[in-house]
């Protein structure tokens, strides 16, 4: 499996935890400039992965409600 494919299979929680670690390392200021750039790139990849996962989940949160009129689909809103 390619590295890119492995990232896409990473669960959201794992990606978010790794992103927190990346931020902590960057904030520590203990890495070289080159290491910081690589870590920043990793962080950007993780942010994109998390955003994609959240977008996919948001799409799935389209509620499917079974009622007397059959199945209806309704967009999720927090007030529901």
N, C-alpha and C. Protein backbone atom coordinates (compact mmCIF):
# COMPACT_ATOMS: atom_id res chain seq x y z
N UNK A 1 0.85 -1.18 0.00
CA UNK A 1 0.00 0.00 0.00
C UNK A 1 0.89 1.25 0.00
N UNK A 2 0.55 2.23 -0.80
CA UNK A 2 1.33 3.45 -0.87
C UNK A 2 1.13 4.29 0.38
N UNK A 3 2.10 5.15 0.66
CA UNK A 3 2.04 6.00 1.84
C UNK A 3 0.78 6.87 1.83
N UNK A 4 0.44 7.44 0.66
CA UNK A 4 -0.74 8.30 0.54
C UNK A 4 -2.01 7.53 0.89
N UNK A 5 -2.11 6.29 0.42
CA UNK A 5 -3.29 5.48 0.70
C UNK A 5 -3.38 5.16 2.19
N UNK A 6 -2.25 4.94 2.83
CA UNK A 6 -2.25 4.65 4.26
C UNK A 6 -2.81 5.83 5.03
N UNK A 7 -2.44 7.03 4.64
CA UNK A 7 -2.94 8.23 5.31
C UNK A 7 -4.45 8.33 5.20
N UNK A 8 -4.99 8.02 4.04
CA UNK A 8 -6.43 8.14 3.84
C UNK A 8 -7.20 7.11 4.66
N UNK A 9 -6.55 5.99 5.00
CA UNK A 9 -7.19 4.96 5.81
C UNK A 9 -7.08 5.26 7.30
N UNK A 10 -6.31 6.26 7.66
CA UNK A 10 -6.11 6.59 9.06
C UNK A 10 -7.42 7.12 9.65
N UNK A 11 -7.84 6.60 10.79
CA UNK A 11 -9.06 7.11 11.43
C UNK A 11 -8.90 8.58 11.82
N UNK A 12 -10.00 9.29 11.86
CA UNK A 12 -9.99 10.71 12.20
C UNK A 12 -9.29 10.95 13.54
N UNK A 13 -9.65 10.17 14.53
CA UNK A 13 -9.10 10.37 15.88
C UNK A 13 -7.58 10.23 15.89
N UNK A 14 -7.07 9.26 15.14
CA UNK A 14 -5.63 9.07 15.07
C UNK A 14 -4.96 10.26 14.37
N UNK A 15 -5.58 10.73 13.29
CA UNK A 15 -5.02 11.88 12.57
C UNK A 15 -5.04 13.13 13.44
N UNK A 16 -6.12 13.33 14.19
CA UNK A 16 -6.22 14.50 15.06
C UNK A 16 -5.18 14.43 16.18
N UNK A 17 -4.97 13.25 16.73
CA UNK A 17 -3.97 13.07 17.79
C UNK A 17 -2.57 13.33 17.25
N UNK A 18 -2.29 12.81 16.05
CA UNK A 18 -0.98 13.05 15.44
C UNK A 18 -0.79 14.53 15.14
N UNK A 19 -1.85 15.18 14.69
CA UNK A 19 -1.78 16.61 14.41
C UNK A 19 -1.45 17.40 15.68
N UNK A 20 -2.05 17.02 16.79
CA UNK A 20 -1.73 17.67 18.06
C UNK A 20 -0.25 17.51 18.40
N UNK A 21 0.28 16.33 18.14
CA UNK A 21 1.71 16.08 18.40
C UNK A 21 2.59 16.94 17.51
N UNK A 22 2.20 17.05 16.25
CA UNK A 22 2.95 17.87 15.29
C UNK A 22 2.96 19.32 15.77
N UNK A 23 1.82 19.82 16.17
CA UNK A 23 1.73 21.21 16.65
C UNK A 23 2.62 21.40 17.87
N UNK A 24 2.58 20.43 18.78
CA UNK A 24 3.43 20.52 19.96
C UNK A 24 4.90 20.57 19.62
N UNK A 25 5.32 19.73 18.68
CA UNK A 25 6.72 19.73 18.26
C UNK A 25 7.09 21.05 17.61
N UNK A 26 6.21 21.58 16.77
CA UNK A 26 6.50 22.86 16.11
C UNK A 26 6.58 23.99 17.13
N UNK A 27 5.69 23.96 18.11
CA UNK A 27 5.68 25.02 19.12
C UNK A 27 6.89 24.94 20.05
N UNK A 28 7.48 23.76 20.19
CA UNK A 28 8.62 23.60 21.10
C UNK A 28 9.84 24.39 20.63
N UNK A 29 9.96 24.56 19.31
CA UNK A 29 11.10 25.30 18.76
C UNK A 29 12.42 24.57 18.86
N UNK A 30 12.37 23.28 19.13
CA UNK A 30 13.60 22.51 19.32
C UNK A 30 14.09 21.81 18.06
N UNK A 31 13.39 21.96 16.95
CA UNK A 31 13.79 21.29 15.71
C UNK A 31 14.55 22.26 14.82
N UNK A 32 15.32 21.67 13.90
CA UNK A 32 16.01 22.50 12.92
C UNK A 32 14.96 23.06 11.95
N UNK A 33 15.37 24.01 11.16
CA UNK A 33 14.46 24.59 10.19
C UNK A 33 13.95 23.54 9.22
N UNK A 34 14.86 22.69 8.75
CA UNK A 34 14.46 21.63 7.80
C UNK A 34 13.47 20.67 8.44
N UNK A 35 13.73 20.26 9.67
CA UNK A 35 12.80 19.38 10.39
C UNK A 35 11.45 20.06 10.59
N UNK A 36 11.48 21.34 10.90
CA UNK A 36 10.24 22.10 11.10
C UNK A 36 9.41 22.16 9.82
N UNK A 37 10.10 22.35 8.70
CA UNK A 37 9.38 22.40 7.42
C UNK A 37 8.74 21.06 7.12
N UNK A 38 9.48 19.96 7.33
CA UNK A 38 8.90 18.63 7.11
C UNK A 38 7.72 18.38 8.04
N UNK A 39 7.86 18.80 9.29
CA UNK A 39 6.78 18.61 10.26
C UNK A 39 5.57 19.47 9.87
N UNK A 40 5.82 20.69 9.40
CA UNK A 40 4.73 21.56 8.95
C UNK A 40 3.99 20.92 7.78
N UNK A 41 4.74 20.36 6.83
CA UNK A 41 4.12 19.68 5.68
C UNK A 41 3.26 18.51 6.16
N UNK A 42 3.76 17.77 7.14
CA UNK A 42 2.98 16.66 7.70
C UNK A 42 1.70 17.19 8.34
N UNK A 43 1.83 18.29 9.05
CA UNK A 43 0.66 18.90 9.69
C UNK A 43 -0.39 19.33 8.67
N UNK A 44 0.06 19.92 7.58
CA UNK A 44 -0.87 20.34 6.52
C UNK A 44 -1.59 19.12 5.95
N UNK A 45 -0.86 18.04 5.73
CA UNK A 45 -1.48 16.81 5.22
C UNK A 45 -2.52 16.28 6.20
N UNK A 46 -2.20 16.33 7.48
CA UNK A 46 -3.14 15.84 8.49
C UNK A 46 -4.38 16.73 8.57
N UNK A 47 -4.20 18.04 8.45
CA UNK A 47 -5.35 18.95 8.46
C UNK A 47 -6.26 18.64 7.27
N UNK A 48 -5.66 18.43 6.11
CA UNK A 48 -6.47 18.10 4.92
C UNK A 48 -7.22 16.78 5.11
N UNK A 49 -6.54 15.80 5.69
CA UNK A 49 -7.18 14.51 5.94
C UNK A 49 -8.34 14.68 6.92
N UNK A 50 -8.10 15.40 8.01
CA UNK A 50 -9.17 15.62 9.00
C UNK A 50 -10.35 16.36 8.37
N UNK A 51 -10.06 17.38 7.57
CA UNK A 51 -11.15 18.12 6.91
C UNK A 51 -11.94 17.22 5.97
N UNK A 52 -11.24 16.36 5.22
CA UNK A 52 -11.94 15.45 4.31
C UNK A 52 -12.81 14.48 5.09
N UNK A 53 -12.25 13.93 6.18
CA UNK A 53 -13.03 13.01 7.00
C UNK A 53 -14.26 13.70 7.57
N UNK A 54 -14.10 14.93 8.05
CA UNK A 54 -15.25 15.66 8.60
C UNK A 54 -16.28 15.98 7.52
N UNK A 55 -15.82 16.34 6.32
CA UNK A 55 -16.75 16.58 5.21
C UNK A 55 -17.53 15.32 4.87
N UNK A 56 -16.83 14.18 4.83
CA UNK A 56 -17.49 12.91 4.53
C UNK A 56 -18.53 12.57 5.61
N UNK A 57 -18.16 12.81 6.85
CA UNK A 57 -19.09 12.53 7.95
C UNK A 57 -20.30 13.46 7.87
N UNK A 58 -20.05 14.72 7.56
CA UNK A 58 -21.16 15.68 7.44
C UNK A 58 -22.15 15.23 6.37
N UNK A 59 -21.61 14.72 5.27
CA UNK A 59 -22.49 14.22 4.21
C UNK A 59 -23.31 13.04 4.70
N UNK A 60 -22.68 12.19 5.53
CA UNK A 60 -23.39 11.01 6.05
C UNK A 60 -24.44 11.39 7.09
N UNK A 61 -24.28 12.58 7.69
CA UNK A 61 -25.22 13.00 8.72
C UNK A 61 -26.49 13.56 8.10
N UNK A 62 -26.61 13.38 6.81
CA UNK A 62 -27.89 13.69 6.20
C UNK A 62 -28.85 12.66 6.78
N UNK A 63 -29.80 13.15 7.51
CA UNK A 63 -30.69 12.24 8.22
C UNK A 63 -31.65 11.55 7.27
N UNK A 64 -31.80 10.28 7.50
CA UNK A 64 -32.82 9.52 6.78
C UNK A 64 -33.89 9.17 7.80
N UNK A 65 -35.05 9.72 7.58
CA UNK A 65 -36.13 9.56 8.53
C UNK A 65 -37.22 8.70 7.90
N UNK A 66 -37.55 7.63 8.58
CA UNK A 66 -38.61 6.78 8.10
C UNK A 66 -39.90 7.22 8.79
N UNK A 67 -40.87 7.57 8.02
CA UNK A 67 -42.14 8.00 8.58
C UNK A 67 -43.29 7.39 7.81
N UNK A 68 -44.47 7.89 8.08
CA UNK A 68 -45.66 7.34 7.41
C UNK A 68 -45.63 7.60 5.91
N UNK A 69 -44.89 8.60 5.49
CA UNK A 69 -44.78 8.92 4.06
C UNK A 69 -43.62 8.19 3.39
N UNK A 70 -43.01 7.26 4.09
CA UNK A 70 -41.87 6.54 3.55
C UNK A 70 -40.58 7.17 4.03
N UNK A 71 -39.54 6.93 3.31
CA UNK A 71 -38.23 7.45 3.69
C UNK A 71 -38.06 8.84 3.11
N UNK A 72 -37.74 9.78 3.96
CA UNK A 72 -37.45 11.13 3.50
C UNK A 72 -36.05 11.49 3.95
N UNK A 73 -35.43 12.35 3.20
CA UNK A 73 -34.07 12.75 3.51
C UNK A 73 -34.08 14.22 3.89
N UNK A 74 -33.36 14.53 4.94
CA UNK A 74 -33.35 15.89 5.44
C UNK A 74 -31.92 16.24 5.81
N UNK A 75 -31.46 17.43 5.43
CA UNK A 75 -30.11 17.84 5.81
C UNK A 75 -30.03 18.03 7.31
N UNK A 76 -28.88 17.69 7.88
CA UNK A 76 -28.69 17.81 9.30
C UNK A 76 -28.50 19.27 9.69
N UNK A 77 -29.18 19.68 10.71
CA UNK A 77 -28.93 20.97 11.34
C UNK A 77 -28.89 20.72 12.84
N UNK A 78 -28.05 21.43 13.56
CA UNK A 78 -27.89 21.18 14.99
C UNK A 78 -29.18 21.32 15.79
N UNK A 79 -30.15 22.06 15.30
CA UNK A 79 -31.39 22.27 16.02
C UNK A 79 -32.28 21.03 16.02
N UNK A 80 -32.03 20.09 15.07
CA UNK A 80 -32.89 18.91 14.95
C UNK A 80 -32.78 17.99 16.13
